[in-house]
């Protein structure tokens, strides 16, 4: 959810404020979730990360943080984090926002530039978006392992934006070989014409000879462990996934086994 965008009201004459926008989503989920589950489809709900651009003024940043906290208080089951977005070397570094960020627990987008990685971890982040340059710093990788900080890798986005020449040169295999918690994400699927994150999983699998079915299972487990779901929901999702994984593996054996 980006503070710079607004959704029109039903009649198209007015713009919903942020609370109105989140309320709209809450209403849709309240009506639609039981129907989706009754149809047999797997859907566990959604979470929102409130995002603002790192290039805005401190006055606007404080407004964003205050709004995010208000939304979290009003919609505790929907709002799950706060993020700074935008090209890192074209906006303010995380260090610029330390006084503001120390007032709230932050979920940071960092790692396109080296210094932001250090600051993100020092600020107590739980996840790091991209984290593309972290493999240059073994100490930071070790800290991510110890503190269970997930690296949100985005293979297709990193290739499209020129951070790596091809998916084969992506950092994901290095992170996995060092047991750094990772998730596979789509970053901006609409911009790449991708279908959620299925394409990214395929690219990651095809881009590394060392990433196989067991490796994908580890990434899937990390995705559940590092999610914003509460422990009860995580256990439910894990049980459901375990059943589907068993069916999937059995299909591979039946279809391709000797």
Protein backbone atom coordinates (compact mmCIF):
# COMPACT_ATOMS: atom_id res chain seq x y z
CA UNK A 1 0.00 0.00 0.00
CA UNK A 2 1.66 3.24 -1.16
CA UNK A 3 0.74 6.52 0.46
CA UNK A 4 1.07 8.34 -2.86
CA UNK A 5 -1.81 6.50 -4.53
CA UNK A 6 -5.54 6.74 -3.86
CA UNK A 7 -8.57 4.65 -4.78
CA UNK A 8 -11.74 6.31 -6.03
CA UNK A 9 -15.01 5.85 -4.19
CA UNK A 10 -17.73 3.66 -5.68
CA UNK A 11 -19.39 6.58 -7.49
CA UNK A 12 -16.04 7.82 -8.81
CA UNK A 13 -16.53 11.32 -7.43
CA UNK A 14 -14.29 11.13 -4.38
CA UNK A 15 -11.07 9.53 -3.23
CA UNK A 16 -10.96 7.18 -0.28
CA UNK A 17 -8.50 8.07 2.44
CA UNK A 18 -6.11 5.34 3.54
CA UNK A 19 -8.40 4.09 6.29
CA UNK A 20 -11.24 3.94 3.78
CA UNK A 21 -9.08 2.00 1.33
CA UNK A 22 -8.08 -0.58 3.93
CA UNK A 23 -11.68 -0.81 5.13
CA UNK A 24 -12.72 -1.54 1.55
CA UNK A 25 -10.25 -4.42 1.42
CA UNK A 26 -11.40 -5.68 4.82
CA UNK A 27 -15.02 -5.69 3.63
CA UNK A 28 -14.15 -7.56 0.44
CA UNK A 29 -12.16 -10.15 2.38
CA UNK A 30 -14.95 -10.53 4.91
CA UNK A 31 -17.45 -11.25 2.15
CA UNK A 32 -15.20 -13.19 -0.20
CA UNK A 33 -12.98 -15.34 2.02
CA UNK A 34 -15.73 -17.76 3.14
CA UNK A 35 -16.89 -18.16 -0.46
CA UNK A 36 -13.36 -18.86 -1.68
CA UNK A 37 -12.76 -21.43 1.04
CA UNK A 38 -16.15 -23.06 0.43
CA UNK A 39 -15.26 -23.48 -3.25
CA UNK A 40 -12.26 -25.62 -2.29
CA UNK A 41 -9.61 -23.10 -3.32
CA UNK A 42 -6.63 -22.45 -1.03
CA UNK A 43 -6.54 -18.89 0.23
CA UNK A 44 -5.41 -17.75 3.68
CA UNK A 45 -5.97 -14.03 3.35
CA UNK A 46 -3.65 -11.09 2.70
CA UNK A 47 -1.44 -8.67 4.60
CA UNK A 48 -0.55 -5.08 3.77
CA UNK A 49 2.82 -3.38 4.07
CA UNK A 50 2.42 0.39 4.24
CA UNK A 51 4.99 1.94 1.92
CA UNK A 52 6.30 5.42 1.23
CA UNK A 53 9.04 6.79 -1.00
CA UNK A 54 12.46 7.32 0.54
CA UNK A 55 12.78 10.57 -1.44
CA UNK A 56 10.03 12.45 0.46
CA UNK A 57 10.60 15.11 3.12
CA UNK A 58 10.87 14.32 6.82
CA UNK A 59 7.55 16.05 7.40
CA UNK A 60 5.82 13.72 4.97
CA UNK A 61 7.70 10.72 6.36
CA UNK A 62 6.45 11.44 9.88
CA UNK A 63 2.92 11.73 8.50
CA UNK A 64 3.31 8.35 6.78
CA UNK A 65 4.58 6.69 9.95
CA UNK A 66 1.79 8.18 12.03
CA UNK A 67 -0.78 7.02 9.47
CA UNK A 68 0.73 3.54 9.38
CA UNK A 69 0.50 3.24 13.18
CA UNK A 70 -3.12 4.43 13.11
CA UNK A 71 -3.97 1.87 10.44
CA UNK A 72 -2.23 -0.88 12.41
CA UNK A 73 -4.30 0.00 15.47
CA UNK A 74 -7.53 0.00 13.45
CA UNK A 75 -6.72 -3.02 11.26
CA UNK A 76 -4.30 -5.15 13.33
CA UNK A 77 -4.89 -8.27 11.21
CA UNK A 78 -4.21 -6.52 7.88
CA UNK A 79 -1.32 -4.09 8.39
CA UNK A 80 1.91 -6.01 8.94
CA UNK A 81 4.79 -3.66 8.20
CA UNK A 82 6.27 -0.36 7.07
CA UNK A 83 8.53 -0.01 4.06
CA UNK A 84 10.67 2.61 2.33
CA UNK A 85 10.47 2.27 -1.44
CA UNK A 86 12.20 3.71 -4.45
CA UNK A 87 15.63 3.58 -6.03
CA UNK A 88 18.03 3.57 -3.10
CA UNK A 89 20.87 5.59 -4.59
CA UNK A 90 18.38 8.22 -5.83
CA UNK A 91 16.69 8.77 -2.46
CA UNK A 92 17.72 9.18 1.14
CA UNK A 93 19.68 6.32 2.78
CA UNK A 94 18.25 4.55 5.81
CA UNK A 95 20.67 6.40 8.08
CA UNK A 96 18.90 9.66 7.18
CA UNK A 97 15.67 8.31 8.69
CA UNK A 98 17.14 6.78 11.88
CA UNK A 99 15.42 9.18 14.34
CA UNK A 100 12.06 8.44 12.73
CA UNK A 101 12.59 4.72 12.25
CA UNK A 102 13.71 4.19 15.83
CA UNK A 103 10.23 5.26 16.91
CA UNK A 104 8.65 2.28 15.24
CA UNK A 105 9.58 -1.27 14.32
CA UNK A 106 10.46 -1.10 10.66
CA UNK A 107 10.37 -3.57 7.85
CA UNK A 108 13.00 -2.20 5.51
CA UNK A 109 13.64 -2.39 1.80
CA UNK A 110 17.41 -2.47 1.68
CA UNK A 111 20.38 -4.04 -0.01
CA UNK A 112 20.61 -2.41 -3.42
CA UNK A 113 23.31 -0.22 -1.85
CA UNK A 114 25.79 -1.61 0.67
CA UNK A 115 25.35 0.91 3.49
CA UNK A 116 21.59 0.32 3.65
CA UNK A 117 22.21 -3.35 4.47
CA UNK A 118 24.15 -2.48 7.61
CA UNK A 119 21.58 0.11 8.69
CA UNK A 120 18.61 -2.18 8.02
CA UNK A 121 20.03 -4.89 10.29
CA UNK A 122 21.04 -2.39 12.99
CA UNK A 123 17.49 -0.99 12.93
CA UNK A 124 16.12 -4.43 13.76
CA UNK A 125 14.43 -5.31 10.50
CA UNK A 126 12.78 -8.74 10.17
CA UNK A 127 13.06 -8.94 6.38
CA UNK A 128 15.29 -7.29 3.78
CA UNK A 129 13.94 -6.56 0.32
CA UNK A 130 16.35 -7.66 -2.43
CA UNK A 131 19.49 -7.66 -0.28
CA UNK A 132 21.37 -8.03 -3.53
CA UNK A 133 24.80 -6.99 -2.25
CA UNK A 134 24.72 -8.97 1.00
CA UNK A 135 26.87 -11.81 -0.35
CA UNK A 136 29.85 -9.42 -0.24
CA UNK A 137 29.59 -9.35 3.55
CA UNK A 138 29.90 -12.76 5.28
CA UNK A 139 29.29 -11.11 8.67
CA UNK A 140 25.92 -9.76 7.53
CA UNK A 141 24.93 -13.15 6.15
CA UNK A 142 25.83 -14.70 9.50
CA UNK A 143 23.74 -12.08 11.33
CA UNK A 144 20.78 -12.82 9.07
CA UNK A 145 21.11 -16.51 9.96
CA UNK A 146 21.38 -15.84 13.69
CA UNK A 147 18.56 -13.28 13.80
CA UNK A 148 16.42 -15.17 11.25
CA UNK A 149 16.20 -12.17 8.93
CA UNK A 150 14.77 -13.22 5.59
CA UNK A 151 16.20 -11.97 2.30
CA UNK A 152 13.39 -11.31 -0.19
CA UNK A 153 15.08 -12.29 -3.46
CA UNK A 154 13.57 -11.11 -6.74
CA UNK A 155 15.35 -12.95 -9.59
CA UNK A 156 13.42 -11.55 -12.56
CA UNK A 157 13.40 -7.98 -11.25
CA UNK A 158 17.16 -8.07 -10.61
CA UNK A 159 17.76 -9.32 -14.14
CA UNK A 160 15.43 -6.79 -15.78
CA UNK A 161 16.98 -3.91 -13.84
CA UNK A 162 20.51 -5.00 -14.75
CA UNK A 163 21.69 -6.00 -11.26
CA UNK A 164 22.69 -9.37 -12.68
CA UNK A 165 23.21 -10.26 -16.36
CA UNK A 166 21.14 -13.47 -16.24
CA UNK A 167 19.28 -15.53 -13.67
CA UNK A 168 22.23 -17.94 -13.67
CA UNK A 169 24.35 -15.18 -12.14
CA UNK A 170 21.86 -14.39 -9.36
CA UNK A 171 22.89 -14.44 -5.69
CA UNK A 172 20.15 -16.86 -4.57
CA UNK A 173 22.27 -20.06 -4.87
CA UNK A 174 25.05 -18.42 -2.82
CA UNK A 175 22.58 -17.42 -0.10
CA UNK A 176 21.12 -20.92 -0.04
CA UNK A 177 24.55 -22.56 0.17
CA UNK A 178 25.24 -20.40 3.23
CA UNK A 179 21.84 -21.29 4.80
CA UNK A 180 20.69 -17.65 4.80
CA UNK A 181 16.86 -17.58 5.06
CA UNK A 182 15.42 -16.57 1.69
CA UNK A 183 12.09 -16.12 0.00
CA UNK A 184 11.40 -15.87 -3.73
CA UNK A 185 9.35 -12.84 -4.71
CA UNK A 186 8.11 -11.10 -7.84
CA UNK A 187 8.93 -7.49 -6.83
CA UNK A 188 6.77 -5.74 -9.49
CA UNK A 189 4.90 -8.48 -11.38
CA UNK A 190 2.70 -6.01 -13.25
CA UNK A 191 5.75 -4.26 -14.72
CA UNK A 192 7.33 -7.52 -15.90
CA UNK A 193 4.08 -9.07 -17.13
CA UNK A 194 4.62 -11.93 -14.67
CA UNK A 195 2.03 -14.09 -12.94
CA UNK A 196 2.57 -13.45 -9.22
CA UNK A 197 5.83 -15.29 -8.36
CA UNK A 198 5.50 -18.50 -10.40
CA UNK A 199 7.85 -17.16 -13.05
CA UNK A 200 10.45 -16.25 -10.43
CA UNK A 201 10.36 -19.77 -8.95
CA UNK A 202 10.83 -21.23 -12.43
CA UNK A 203 13.68 -18.85 -13.24
CA UNK A 204 15.41 -19.67 -9.96
CA UNK A 205 15.06 -23.41 -10.58
CA UNK A 206 16.34 -23.19 -14.16
CA UNK A 207 19.12 -20.75 -13.28
CA UNK A 208 21.01 -23.03 -10.89
CA UNK A 209 22.15 -26.62 -11.29
CA UNK A 210 22.32 -26.90 -7.50
CA UNK A 211 18.72 -25.85 -6.81
CA UNK A 212 16.47 -28.90 -7.01
CA UNK A 213 13.11 -30.02 -5.63
CA UNK A 214 14.44 -30.37 -2.03
CA UNK A 215 15.87 -26.86 -2.30
CA UNK A 216 12.50 -25.48 -3.36
CA UNK A 217 10.95 -27.21 -0.35
CA UNK A 218 13.39 -25.41 1.97
CA UNK A 219 12.50 -22.07 0.38
CA UNK A 220 8.79 -22.83 0.72
CA UNK A 221 9.24 -23.69 4.40
CA UNK A 222 11.15 -20.46 4.96
CA UNK A 223 8.36 -18.53 3.24
CA UNK A 224 5.89 -19.83 5.82
CA UNK A 225 8.23 -19.33 8.77
CA UNK A 226 9.12 -15.77 7.75
CA UNK A 227 5.56 -14.68 6.97
CA UNK A 228 3.48 -12.24 9.01
CA UNK A 229 0.95 -14.91 9.92
CA UNK A 230 0.47 -15.72 13.58
CA UNK A 231 1.72 -19.06 14.90
CA UNK A 232 -1.68 -20.78 14.71
CA UNK A 233 -2.15 -19.78 11.07
CA UNK A 234 1.43 -20.77 10.24
CA UNK A 235 0.80 -24.24 11.65
CA UNK A 236 -2.39 -24.58 9.62
CA UNK A 237 -0.70 -23.42 6.42
CA UNK A 238 2.23 -25.76 7.05
CA UNK A 239 -0.07 -28.77 7.56
CA UNK A 240 -2.00 -28.00 4.39
CA UNK A 241 1.22 -27.47 2.46
CA UNK A 242 2.68 -30.73 3.80
CA UNK A 243 -0.31 -32.65 2.44
CA UNK A 244 -0.08 -30.97 -0.98
CA UNK A 245 3.69 -31.50 -1.07
CA UNK A 246 3.26 -35.22 -0.46
CA UNK A 247 0.75 -35.43 -3.33
CA UNK A 248 3.14 -33.48 -5.57
CA UNK A 249 6.10 -35.75 -4.78
CA UNK A 250 3.97 -38.85 -5.31
CA UNK A 251 2.92 -37.49 -8.71
CA UNK A 252 6.59 -37.07 -9.68
CA UNK A 253 7.31 -40.67 -8.67
CA UNK A 254 4.27 -42.03 -10.50
CA UNK A 255 4.87 -39.98 -13.63
CA UNK A 256 8.65 -40.18 -13.95
CA UNK A 257 9.84 -42.97 -11.65
CA UNK A 258 11.37 -46.10 -13.11
